[in-house]
N, C-alpha and C. Protein backbone atom coordinates (compact mmCIF):
# COMPACT_ATOMS: atom_id res chain seq x y z
N MET A 1 -15.36 19.74 -7.00
CA MET A 1 -15.37 18.33 -6.67
C MET A 1 -14.16 17.68 -7.34
N THR A 2 -13.37 16.95 -6.54
CA THR A 2 -12.19 16.28 -7.06
C THR A 2 -12.59 14.98 -7.72
N PRO A 3 -12.24 14.78 -8.99
CA PRO A 3 -12.59 13.50 -9.63
C PRO A 3 -11.67 12.40 -9.11
N PRO A 4 -12.19 11.19 -8.93
CA PRO A 4 -11.35 10.10 -8.45
C PRO A 4 -10.41 9.61 -9.55
N THR A 5 -9.19 9.23 -9.14
CA THR A 5 -8.22 8.65 -10.06
C THR A 5 -7.54 7.47 -9.37
N VAL A 6 -7.10 6.51 -10.17
CA VAL A 6 -6.42 5.34 -9.63
C VAL A 6 -5.16 5.79 -8.89
N GLY A 7 -4.96 5.22 -7.69
CA GLY A 7 -3.78 5.54 -6.89
C GLY A 7 -4.03 6.57 -5.80
N ARG A 8 -5.16 7.29 -5.86
CA ARG A 8 -5.48 8.27 -4.82
C ARG A 8 -5.92 7.55 -3.56
N ILE A 9 -5.69 8.16 -2.43
CA ILE A 9 -6.08 7.58 -1.14
C ILE A 9 -7.47 8.08 -0.76
N VAL A 10 -8.29 7.15 -0.27
CA VAL A 10 -9.61 7.49 0.26
C VAL A 10 -9.78 6.74 1.58
N HIS A 11 -10.68 7.22 2.40
CA HIS A 11 -11.05 6.51 3.62
C HIS A 11 -12.35 5.77 3.35
N VAL A 12 -12.31 4.46 3.54
CA VAL A 12 -13.48 3.62 3.29
C VAL A 12 -14.12 3.27 4.63
N TYR A 13 -15.43 3.45 4.70
CA TYR A 13 -16.20 3.08 5.87
C TYR A 13 -17.07 1.88 5.50
N PRO A 14 -16.56 0.65 5.77
CA PRO A 14 -17.37 -0.53 5.45
C PRO A 14 -18.64 -0.54 6.30
N SER A 15 -19.66 -1.15 5.78
CA SER A 15 -20.93 -1.25 6.49
C SER A 15 -20.71 -1.77 7.90
N GLY A 16 -21.24 -1.06 8.89
CA GLY A 16 -21.14 -1.48 10.28
C GLY A 16 -19.89 -1.02 11.00
N HIS A 17 -18.97 -0.31 10.32
CA HIS A 17 -17.75 0.17 10.96
C HIS A 17 -17.80 1.68 11.13
N THR A 18 -17.30 2.16 12.25
CA THR A 18 -17.26 3.60 12.48
C THR A 18 -15.88 4.18 12.19
N LYS A 19 -14.86 3.32 12.16
CA LYS A 19 -13.50 3.79 11.85
C LYS A 19 -13.19 3.47 10.39
N PRO A 20 -12.49 4.39 9.72
CA PRO A 20 -12.20 4.17 8.29
C PRO A 20 -11.04 3.22 8.07
N CYS A 21 -11.02 2.62 6.90
CA CYS A 21 -9.90 1.82 6.42
C CYS A 21 -9.27 2.63 5.29
N PRO A 22 -8.02 3.12 5.46
CA PRO A 22 -7.40 3.86 4.37
C PRO A 22 -7.12 2.93 3.20
N CYS A 23 -7.50 3.34 2.02
CA CYS A 23 -7.37 2.49 0.83
C CYS A 23 -6.89 3.31 -0.36
N LEU A 24 -6.34 2.60 -1.33
CA LEU A 24 -6.01 3.20 -2.62
C LEU A 24 -7.13 2.89 -3.60
N ILE A 25 -7.42 3.84 -4.44
CA ILE A 25 -8.40 3.60 -5.50
C ILE A 25 -7.73 2.71 -6.54
N THR A 26 -8.35 1.56 -6.83
CA THR A 26 -7.78 0.61 -7.78
C THR A 26 -8.50 0.63 -9.13
N ASP A 27 -9.72 1.19 -9.15
CA ASP A 27 -10.46 1.30 -10.40
C ASP A 27 -11.50 2.40 -10.24
N VAL A 28 -11.77 3.11 -11.31
CA VAL A 28 -12.75 4.18 -11.30
C VAL A 28 -13.88 3.82 -12.25
N HIS A 29 -15.12 3.85 -11.74
CA HIS A 29 -16.28 3.49 -12.55
C HIS A 29 -17.14 4.71 -12.87
N GLY A 30 -16.70 5.87 -12.45
CA GLY A 30 -17.44 7.11 -12.67
C GLY A 30 -17.00 8.12 -11.63
N ASP A 31 -17.61 9.31 -11.63
CA ASP A 31 -17.24 10.35 -10.67
C ASP A 31 -17.52 9.97 -9.23
N ARG A 32 -18.42 9.02 -9.03
CA ARG A 32 -18.81 8.67 -7.66
C ARG A 32 -18.83 7.18 -7.38
N CYS A 33 -18.18 6.38 -8.22
CA CYS A 33 -18.16 4.94 -8.02
C CYS A 33 -16.73 4.43 -8.26
N ILE A 34 -16.16 3.76 -7.24
CA ILE A 34 -14.77 3.32 -7.30
C ILE A 34 -14.62 1.91 -6.73
N SER A 35 -13.47 1.30 -7.01
CA SER A 35 -13.04 0.06 -6.35
C SER A 35 -11.78 0.40 -5.59
N VAL A 36 -11.57 -0.25 -4.45
CA VAL A 36 -10.45 0.09 -3.58
C VAL A 36 -9.76 -1.14 -3.03
N GLY A 37 -8.56 -0.94 -2.54
CA GLY A 37 -7.81 -1.97 -1.83
C GLY A 37 -6.95 -1.32 -0.77
N GLY A 38 -6.83 -1.98 0.38
CA GLY A 38 -6.02 -1.43 1.46
C GLY A 38 -5.86 -2.44 2.58
N TYR A 39 -5.42 -1.95 3.73
CA TYR A 39 -5.18 -2.80 4.89
C TYR A 39 -5.72 -2.12 6.15
N TRP A 40 -6.36 -2.93 6.99
CA TRP A 40 -6.76 -2.47 8.32
C TRP A 40 -5.50 -2.29 9.16
N PRO A 41 -5.55 -1.52 10.25
CA PRO A 41 -4.37 -1.38 11.12
C PRO A 41 -3.87 -2.73 11.64
N SER A 42 -4.73 -3.72 11.72
CA SER A 42 -4.33 -5.05 12.18
C SER A 42 -3.49 -5.78 11.13
N GLY A 43 -3.42 -5.26 9.92
CA GLY A 43 -2.67 -5.91 8.84
C GLY A 43 -3.53 -6.76 7.93
N GLN A 44 -4.81 -6.89 8.25
CA GLN A 44 -5.72 -7.67 7.41
C GLN A 44 -6.03 -6.89 6.13
N PRO A 45 -5.96 -7.54 4.97
CA PRO A 45 -6.27 -6.84 3.72
C PRO A 45 -7.77 -6.53 3.63
N TYR A 46 -8.07 -5.49 2.89
CA TYR A 46 -9.47 -5.10 2.65
C TYR A 46 -9.57 -4.66 1.20
N SER A 47 -10.62 -5.08 0.53
CA SER A 47 -10.89 -4.58 -0.81
C SER A 47 -12.40 -4.54 -1.02
N ALA A 48 -12.83 -3.66 -1.89
CA ALA A 48 -14.25 -3.53 -2.20
C ALA A 48 -14.37 -3.01 -3.62
N THR A 49 -15.41 -3.47 -4.31
CA THR A 49 -15.63 -3.02 -5.68
C THR A 49 -16.94 -2.24 -5.76
N SER A 50 -16.97 -1.30 -6.66
CA SER A 50 -18.16 -0.52 -6.97
C SER A 50 -18.81 0.08 -5.73
N ILE A 51 -18.01 0.84 -4.95
CA ILE A 51 -18.57 1.52 -3.80
C ILE A 51 -18.73 3.00 -4.12
N ARG A 52 -19.61 3.65 -3.39
CA ARG A 52 -19.93 5.05 -3.66
C ARG A 52 -18.90 5.96 -3.00
N LEU A 53 -18.38 6.92 -3.77
CA LEU A 53 -17.50 7.95 -3.25
C LEU A 53 -18.38 9.11 -2.83
N VAL A 54 -18.38 9.38 -1.53
CA VAL A 54 -19.24 10.42 -0.98
C VAL A 54 -18.45 11.73 -0.93
N HIS A 55 -18.99 12.75 -1.55
CA HIS A 55 -18.36 14.07 -1.55
C HIS A 55 -18.95 14.91 -0.42
N ALA A 56 -18.39 16.08 -0.21
CA ALA A 56 -18.81 16.94 0.90
C ALA A 56 -20.30 17.25 0.87
N ASP A 57 -20.89 17.36 -0.32
CA ASP A 57 -22.30 17.72 -0.40
C ASP A 57 -23.22 16.49 -0.36
N ASP A 58 -22.64 15.29 -0.24
CA ASP A 58 -23.41 14.04 -0.18
C ASP A 58 -23.61 13.62 1.26
N GLN A 59 -24.48 12.65 1.43
CA GLN A 59 -24.67 12.04 2.73
C GLN A 59 -24.67 10.53 2.52
N ALA A 60 -23.95 9.81 3.39
CA ALA A 60 -23.93 8.35 3.30
C ALA A 60 -25.24 7.80 3.84
N TYR A 61 -25.69 6.73 3.22
CA TYR A 61 -26.90 6.07 3.69
C TYR A 61 -26.55 5.15 4.86
N PRO A 62 -27.45 4.98 5.82
CA PRO A 62 -27.16 4.09 6.95
C PRO A 62 -26.84 2.67 6.46
N GLY A 63 -25.75 2.12 6.98
CA GLY A 63 -25.35 0.76 6.62
C GLY A 63 -24.66 0.63 5.28
N GLU A 64 -24.44 1.74 4.58
CA GLU A 64 -23.83 1.69 3.26
C GLU A 64 -22.30 1.75 3.37
N THR A 65 -21.62 0.84 2.67
CA THR A 65 -20.17 0.95 2.55
C THR A 65 -19.91 2.11 1.60
N HIS A 66 -19.08 3.05 2.04
CA HIS A 66 -18.81 4.23 1.21
C HIS A 66 -17.38 4.72 1.45
N ALA A 67 -16.90 5.58 0.58
CA ALA A 67 -15.57 6.15 0.68
C ALA A 67 -15.67 7.66 0.70
N VAL A 68 -14.74 8.28 1.40
CA VAL A 68 -14.66 9.75 1.45
C VAL A 68 -13.20 10.15 1.26
N TRP A 69 -13.00 11.37 0.79
CA TRP A 69 -11.65 11.91 0.72
C TRP A 69 -11.16 12.16 2.13
N PRO A 70 -9.90 11.81 2.46
CA PRO A 70 -9.40 12.10 3.81
C PRO A 70 -9.31 13.60 4.03
N GLN A 71 -9.55 14.00 5.26
CA GLN A 71 -9.42 15.41 5.62
C GLN A 71 -7.93 15.75 5.68
N THR A 72 -7.55 16.84 5.07
CA THR A 72 -6.16 17.27 5.13
C THR A 72 -6.07 18.51 6.00
N GLN A 73 -5.10 18.53 6.85
CA GLN A 73 -4.88 19.66 7.73
C GLN A 73 -3.60 20.36 7.30
N PRO A 74 -3.65 21.67 7.07
CA PRO A 74 -2.41 22.36 6.71
C PRO A 74 -1.43 22.34 7.88
N THR A 75 -0.16 22.24 7.55
CA THR A 75 0.86 22.24 8.59
C THR A 75 1.08 23.66 9.08
N ALA A 76 0.94 23.85 10.39
CA ALA A 76 1.18 25.17 10.98
C ALA A 76 2.68 25.44 11.01
N PRO A 77 3.09 26.70 10.87
CA PRO A 77 4.52 27.00 10.87
C PRO A 77 5.24 26.47 12.11
N ALA A 78 4.57 26.44 13.28
CA ALA A 78 5.20 25.96 14.50
C ALA A 78 5.52 24.47 14.42
N GLU A 79 4.88 23.73 13.52
CA GLU A 79 5.09 22.29 13.42
C GLU A 79 6.21 21.93 12.45
N LEU A 80 6.74 22.91 11.72
CA LEU A 80 7.80 22.62 10.77
C LEU A 80 9.09 22.27 11.51
N PRO A 81 9.89 21.32 11.01
CA PRO A 81 11.14 20.97 11.69
C PRO A 81 12.12 22.13 11.63
N ALA A 82 12.96 22.20 12.65
CA ALA A 82 13.95 23.27 12.73
C ALA A 82 15.06 23.03 11.71
N VAL A 83 15.65 24.12 11.22
CA VAL A 83 16.77 24.01 10.28
C VAL A 83 18.04 24.32 11.06
N ARG A 84 19.04 23.45 10.92
CA ARG A 84 20.32 23.71 11.59
C ARG A 84 21.40 23.88 10.53
N PRO A 85 22.27 24.87 10.70
CA PRO A 85 23.34 25.08 9.73
C PRO A 85 24.37 23.96 9.79
N MET A 86 24.96 23.67 8.65
CA MET A 86 26.02 22.66 8.56
C MET A 86 27.29 23.34 8.08
N ILE A 87 28.41 22.66 8.27
CA ILE A 87 29.69 23.19 7.81
C ILE A 87 29.61 23.41 6.30
N GLY A 88 30.12 24.51 5.83
CA GLY A 88 30.10 24.81 4.42
C GLY A 88 28.89 25.64 4.02
N GLY A 89 28.07 26.04 4.98
CA GLY A 89 26.95 26.91 4.69
C GLY A 89 25.68 26.20 4.26
N ASP A 90 25.72 24.88 4.04
CA ASP A 90 24.51 24.15 3.70
C ASP A 90 23.66 24.00 4.95
N ALA A 91 22.39 23.74 4.76
CA ALA A 91 21.49 23.51 5.88
C ALA A 91 20.73 22.22 5.63
N VAL A 92 20.40 21.53 6.70
CA VAL A 92 19.59 20.32 6.60
C VAL A 92 18.44 20.42 7.58
N MET A 93 17.40 19.67 7.34
CA MET A 93 16.24 19.68 8.22
C MET A 93 16.47 18.70 9.36
N ASP A 94 16.09 19.10 10.60
CA ASP A 94 16.10 18.18 11.73
C ASP A 94 14.84 17.35 11.63
N ALA A 95 14.91 16.28 10.91
CA ALA A 95 13.75 15.40 10.72
C ALA A 95 14.24 13.96 10.84
N PRO A 96 13.35 13.05 11.16
CA PRO A 96 13.79 11.66 11.23
C PRO A 96 14.31 11.20 9.88
N PRO A 97 15.25 10.27 9.88
CA PRO A 97 15.77 9.79 8.60
C PRO A 97 14.68 9.08 7.81
N LEU A 98 14.74 9.24 6.51
CA LEU A 98 13.78 8.57 5.65
C LEU A 98 14.18 7.11 5.49
N LYS A 99 13.21 6.22 5.56
CA LYS A 99 13.50 4.81 5.40
C LYS A 99 12.24 4.09 4.94
N VAL A 100 12.45 2.91 4.41
CA VAL A 100 11.34 2.06 4.00
C VAL A 100 10.80 1.38 5.26
N THR A 101 9.48 1.36 5.41
CA THR A 101 8.87 0.78 6.60
C THR A 101 8.04 -0.46 6.23
N PRO A 102 7.81 -1.35 7.21
CA PRO A 102 6.95 -2.52 6.94
C PRO A 102 5.56 -2.11 6.46
N ASP A 103 4.98 -1.05 7.05
CA ASP A 103 3.66 -0.60 6.63
C ASP A 103 3.67 -0.15 5.17
N GLN A 104 4.74 0.51 4.76
CA GLN A 104 4.87 0.98 3.38
C GLN A 104 4.92 -0.20 2.41
N VAL A 105 5.67 -1.23 2.77
CA VAL A 105 5.77 -2.42 1.91
C VAL A 105 4.42 -3.11 1.84
N GLU A 106 3.76 -3.30 2.98
CA GLU A 106 2.44 -3.96 3.00
C GLU A 106 1.42 -3.16 2.20
N ALA A 107 1.46 -1.83 2.32
CA ALA A 107 0.49 -0.99 1.62
C ALA A 107 0.66 -1.07 0.10
N ALA A 108 1.85 -1.41 -0.35
CA ALA A 108 2.09 -1.51 -1.79
C ALA A 108 1.45 -2.76 -2.40
N ILE A 109 1.18 -3.77 -1.57
CA ILE A 109 0.67 -5.06 -2.06
C ILE A 109 -0.84 -5.02 -2.17
N MET A 110 -1.34 -5.24 -3.38
CA MET A 110 -2.79 -5.22 -3.61
C MET A 110 -3.37 -6.62 -3.74
N GLY A 111 -2.55 -7.62 -4.02
CA GLY A 111 -3.06 -8.97 -4.16
C GLY A 111 -1.95 -9.95 -4.45
N ALA A 112 -2.26 -11.24 -4.29
CA ALA A 112 -1.26 -12.28 -4.51
C ALA A 112 -1.91 -13.45 -5.26
N ASP A 113 -1.16 -14.02 -6.19
CA ASP A 113 -1.57 -15.22 -6.90
C ASP A 113 -0.46 -16.25 -6.72
N TYR A 114 -0.84 -17.52 -6.60
CA TYR A 114 0.13 -18.60 -6.35
C TYR A 114 0.01 -19.67 -7.41
N HIS A 115 1.14 -20.35 -7.65
CA HIS A 115 1.14 -21.49 -8.57
C HIS A 115 2.17 -22.51 -8.07
N VAL A 116 1.76 -23.76 -8.03
CA VAL A 116 2.68 -24.87 -7.74
C VAL A 116 2.84 -25.65 -9.04
N PHE A 117 4.07 -25.78 -9.49
CA PHE A 117 4.32 -26.51 -10.73
C PHE A 117 4.05 -27.98 -10.52
N PRO A 118 3.22 -28.58 -11.40
CA PRO A 118 2.85 -30.00 -11.25
C PRO A 118 4.08 -30.91 -11.18
N GLY A 119 4.04 -31.84 -10.23
CA GLY A 119 5.11 -32.80 -10.08
C GLY A 119 6.34 -32.26 -9.38
N THR A 120 6.26 -31.02 -8.82
CA THR A 120 7.41 -30.43 -8.13
C THR A 120 6.95 -29.90 -6.76
N THR A 121 7.91 -29.38 -6.03
CA THR A 121 7.61 -28.69 -4.77
C THR A 121 7.84 -27.18 -4.93
N VAL A 122 7.95 -26.71 -6.16
CA VAL A 122 8.20 -25.29 -6.44
C VAL A 122 6.89 -24.52 -6.38
N THR A 123 6.87 -23.51 -5.50
CA THR A 123 5.72 -22.62 -5.36
C THR A 123 6.14 -21.23 -5.78
N VAL A 124 5.34 -20.58 -6.60
CA VAL A 124 5.61 -19.23 -7.06
C VAL A 124 4.49 -18.32 -6.55
N CYS A 125 4.87 -17.16 -6.07
CA CYS A 125 3.91 -16.15 -5.62
C CYS A 125 4.12 -14.90 -6.47
N CYS A 126 3.05 -14.41 -7.09
CA CYS A 126 3.11 -13.18 -7.87
C CYS A 126 2.31 -12.12 -7.12
N LEU A 127 3.01 -11.11 -6.58
CA LEU A 127 2.35 -10.02 -5.86
C LEU A 127 2.04 -8.89 -6.83
N ARG A 128 0.78 -8.43 -6.81
CA ARG A 128 0.35 -7.29 -7.60
C ARG A 128 0.46 -6.05 -6.72
N LEU A 129 1.20 -5.05 -7.20
CA LEU A 129 1.43 -3.84 -6.43
C LEU A 129 0.45 -2.74 -6.83
N ALA A 130 0.33 -1.75 -5.97
CA ALA A 130 -0.64 -0.66 -6.18
C ALA A 130 -0.41 0.06 -7.50
N ASN A 131 0.83 0.15 -7.95
CA ASN A 131 1.11 0.88 -9.20
C ASN A 131 1.00 0.00 -10.44
N GLY A 132 0.56 -1.26 -10.26
CA GLY A 132 0.40 -2.15 -11.39
C GLY A 132 1.59 -3.06 -11.66
N PHE A 133 2.71 -2.81 -11.00
CA PHE A 133 3.89 -3.65 -11.17
C PHE A 133 3.67 -4.99 -10.45
N THR A 134 4.35 -6.03 -10.88
CA THR A 134 4.27 -7.32 -10.21
C THR A 134 5.66 -7.75 -9.75
N VAL A 135 5.69 -8.47 -8.64
CA VAL A 135 6.93 -9.01 -8.08
C VAL A 135 6.71 -10.49 -7.83
N VAL A 136 7.69 -11.31 -8.23
CA VAL A 136 7.56 -12.75 -8.11
C VAL A 136 8.54 -13.28 -7.06
N GLY A 137 8.04 -14.16 -6.19
CA GLY A 137 8.87 -14.85 -5.21
C GLY A 137 8.66 -16.34 -5.38
N GLU A 138 9.64 -17.12 -4.94
CA GLU A 138 9.51 -18.56 -5.10
C GLU A 138 10.04 -19.28 -3.88
N SER A 139 9.60 -20.53 -3.74
CA SER A 139 10.11 -21.41 -2.69
C SER A 139 10.09 -22.83 -3.23
N ALA A 140 10.89 -23.69 -2.62
CA ALA A 140 10.92 -25.10 -3.00
C ALA A 140 11.26 -25.91 -1.76
N CYS A 141 10.65 -27.05 -1.64
CA CYS A 141 10.89 -27.96 -0.52
C CYS A 141 11.88 -29.03 -0.99
N ALA A 142 12.95 -29.26 -0.23
CA ALA A 142 13.97 -30.24 -0.63
C ALA A 142 13.43 -31.67 -0.59
N ASP A 143 12.61 -31.97 0.39
CA ASP A 143 12.07 -33.33 0.54
C ASP A 143 10.61 -33.33 0.14
N PRO A 144 10.26 -33.92 -1.00
CA PRO A 144 8.86 -33.91 -1.44
C PRO A 144 7.88 -34.50 -0.43
N ARG A 145 8.36 -35.39 0.45
CA ARG A 145 7.48 -35.97 1.46
C ARG A 145 7.07 -34.94 2.51
N GLU A 146 7.86 -33.87 2.66
CA GLU A 146 7.58 -32.84 3.66
C GLU A 146 6.82 -31.65 3.07
N PHE A 147 6.60 -31.67 1.76
CA PHE A 147 5.99 -30.53 1.07
C PHE A 147 4.55 -30.29 1.52
N LYS A 148 4.27 -29.02 1.86
CA LYS A 148 2.92 -28.58 2.20
C LYS A 148 2.65 -27.31 1.38
N VAL A 149 1.53 -27.29 0.68
CA VAL A 149 1.20 -26.17 -0.20
C VAL A 149 1.18 -24.86 0.58
N GLU A 150 0.54 -24.82 1.75
CA GLU A 150 0.41 -23.57 2.51
C GLU A 150 1.77 -23.05 2.96
N THR A 151 2.67 -23.96 3.38
CA THR A 151 4.01 -23.54 3.78
C THR A 151 4.78 -22.99 2.58
N GLY A 152 4.62 -23.63 1.42
CA GLY A 152 5.25 -23.12 0.20
C GLY A 152 4.78 -21.73 -0.13
N ARG A 153 3.48 -21.48 0.05
CA ARG A 153 2.93 -20.14 -0.20
C ARG A 153 3.53 -19.11 0.75
N VAL A 154 3.65 -19.47 2.03
CA VAL A 154 4.21 -18.54 3.02
C VAL A 154 5.62 -18.13 2.63
N TYR A 155 6.47 -19.11 2.27
CA TYR A 155 7.85 -18.80 1.92
C TYR A 155 7.96 -18.05 0.59
N ALA A 156 7.13 -18.39 -0.38
CA ALA A 156 7.16 -17.69 -1.66
C ALA A 156 6.71 -16.24 -1.48
N TYR A 157 5.67 -16.03 -0.67
CA TYR A 157 5.20 -14.66 -0.37
C TYR A 157 6.31 -13.86 0.30
N ALA A 158 6.98 -14.46 1.30
CA ALA A 158 8.06 -13.76 2.00
C ALA A 158 9.20 -13.41 1.05
N ASP A 159 9.52 -14.30 0.11
CA ASP A 159 10.57 -14.03 -0.88
C ASP A 159 10.19 -12.85 -1.76
N ALA A 160 8.93 -12.82 -2.23
CA ALA A 160 8.48 -11.69 -3.06
C ALA A 160 8.48 -10.40 -2.27
N LYS A 161 8.06 -10.47 -1.01
CA LYS A 161 8.00 -9.27 -0.16
C LYS A 161 9.40 -8.69 0.06
N ARG A 162 10.41 -9.55 0.22
CA ARG A 162 11.79 -9.07 0.36
C ARG A 162 12.21 -8.28 -0.88
N LYS A 163 11.75 -8.71 -2.03
CA LYS A 163 12.10 -8.01 -3.27
C LYS A 163 11.45 -6.62 -3.32
N ILE A 164 10.27 -6.49 -2.73
CA ILE A 164 9.62 -5.17 -2.68
C ILE A 164 10.45 -4.23 -1.83
N TRP A 165 11.02 -4.71 -0.73
CA TRP A 165 11.89 -3.88 0.11
C TRP A 165 13.01 -3.28 -0.74
N ALA A 166 13.63 -4.11 -1.57
CA ALA A 166 14.73 -3.61 -2.42
C ALA A 166 14.23 -2.56 -3.39
N LEU A 167 13.07 -2.79 -4.00
CA LEU A 167 12.52 -1.83 -4.95
C LEU A 167 12.16 -0.51 -4.27
N GLU A 168 11.52 -0.60 -3.11
CA GLU A 168 11.15 0.62 -2.37
C GLU A 168 12.40 1.37 -1.91
N GLY A 169 13.44 0.62 -1.51
CA GLY A 169 14.71 1.25 -1.11
C GLY A 169 15.35 1.99 -2.28
N TYR A 170 15.34 1.38 -3.45
CA TYR A 170 15.87 2.04 -4.65
C TYR A 170 15.08 3.31 -4.94
N LEU A 171 13.75 3.22 -4.89
CA LEU A 171 12.91 4.37 -5.18
C LEU A 171 13.18 5.52 -4.20
N LEU A 172 13.32 5.20 -2.91
CA LEU A 172 13.63 6.22 -1.92
C LEU A 172 14.98 6.86 -2.20
N ARG A 173 15.98 6.03 -2.52
CA ARG A 173 17.32 6.57 -2.81
C ARG A 173 17.29 7.47 -4.04
N GLN A 174 16.50 7.11 -5.06
CA GLN A 174 16.40 7.93 -6.25
C GLN A 174 15.75 9.27 -5.92
N ARG A 175 14.71 9.24 -5.08
CA ARG A 175 14.06 10.49 -4.67
C ARG A 175 15.04 11.38 -3.89
N LEU A 176 15.82 10.77 -3.01
CA LEU A 176 16.83 11.55 -2.26
C LEU A 176 17.85 12.15 -3.23
N HIS A 177 18.27 11.37 -4.20
CA HIS A 177 19.23 11.84 -5.21
C HIS A 177 18.67 13.01 -6.00
N ASP A 178 17.39 12.91 -6.37
CA ASP A 178 16.74 13.95 -7.16
C ASP A 178 16.30 15.14 -6.32
N GLY A 179 16.43 15.04 -5.01
CA GLY A 179 16.02 16.13 -4.12
C GLY A 179 14.52 16.22 -3.93
N ARG A 180 13.78 15.12 -4.15
CA ARG A 180 12.32 15.16 -4.00
C ARG A 180 11.82 14.16 -2.98
N ALA A 181 12.66 13.87 -1.97
CA ALA A 181 12.22 12.94 -0.92
C ALA A 181 11.10 13.58 -0.12
N GLU A 182 10.14 12.75 0.26
CA GLU A 182 8.97 13.25 0.98
C GLU A 182 9.09 12.98 2.45
């Protein structure tokens, strides 16, 4: 039995749903009790606390929100990308180029907190990422008469999200440099 650890991926089946929501484990309360956070394919965030992790020898109760380890399928040799020789005797894989994707950036975000400084139009958004790091974005309205809290939040969130793109891009480039790109 694999013990749960923070950062591992599980499939969560919320009560009444037949399709799973892929989530990251955000807290471990025991071998079979976890908290999770993730996103539905529609982009809507999902989180749950103290849900049961169902192992292969367990059975979920009807109507119970529960999590399971995703099924992994070994890659068959026929599915491996072809290798083509390059000038100088090196070889590279015929695979799509690695890049940061919108889904990857969204999946990194576990939560957001906002603050508007009293007497100003400055809105700050602090995004909490899956690995525990935080990213801050800000916005300000030039005309205080036009200031709307919700609009300030939207722009501050977008500013913080742009910063995640840069961080994820750096991380990908470092992995490529180290030869451990996935």
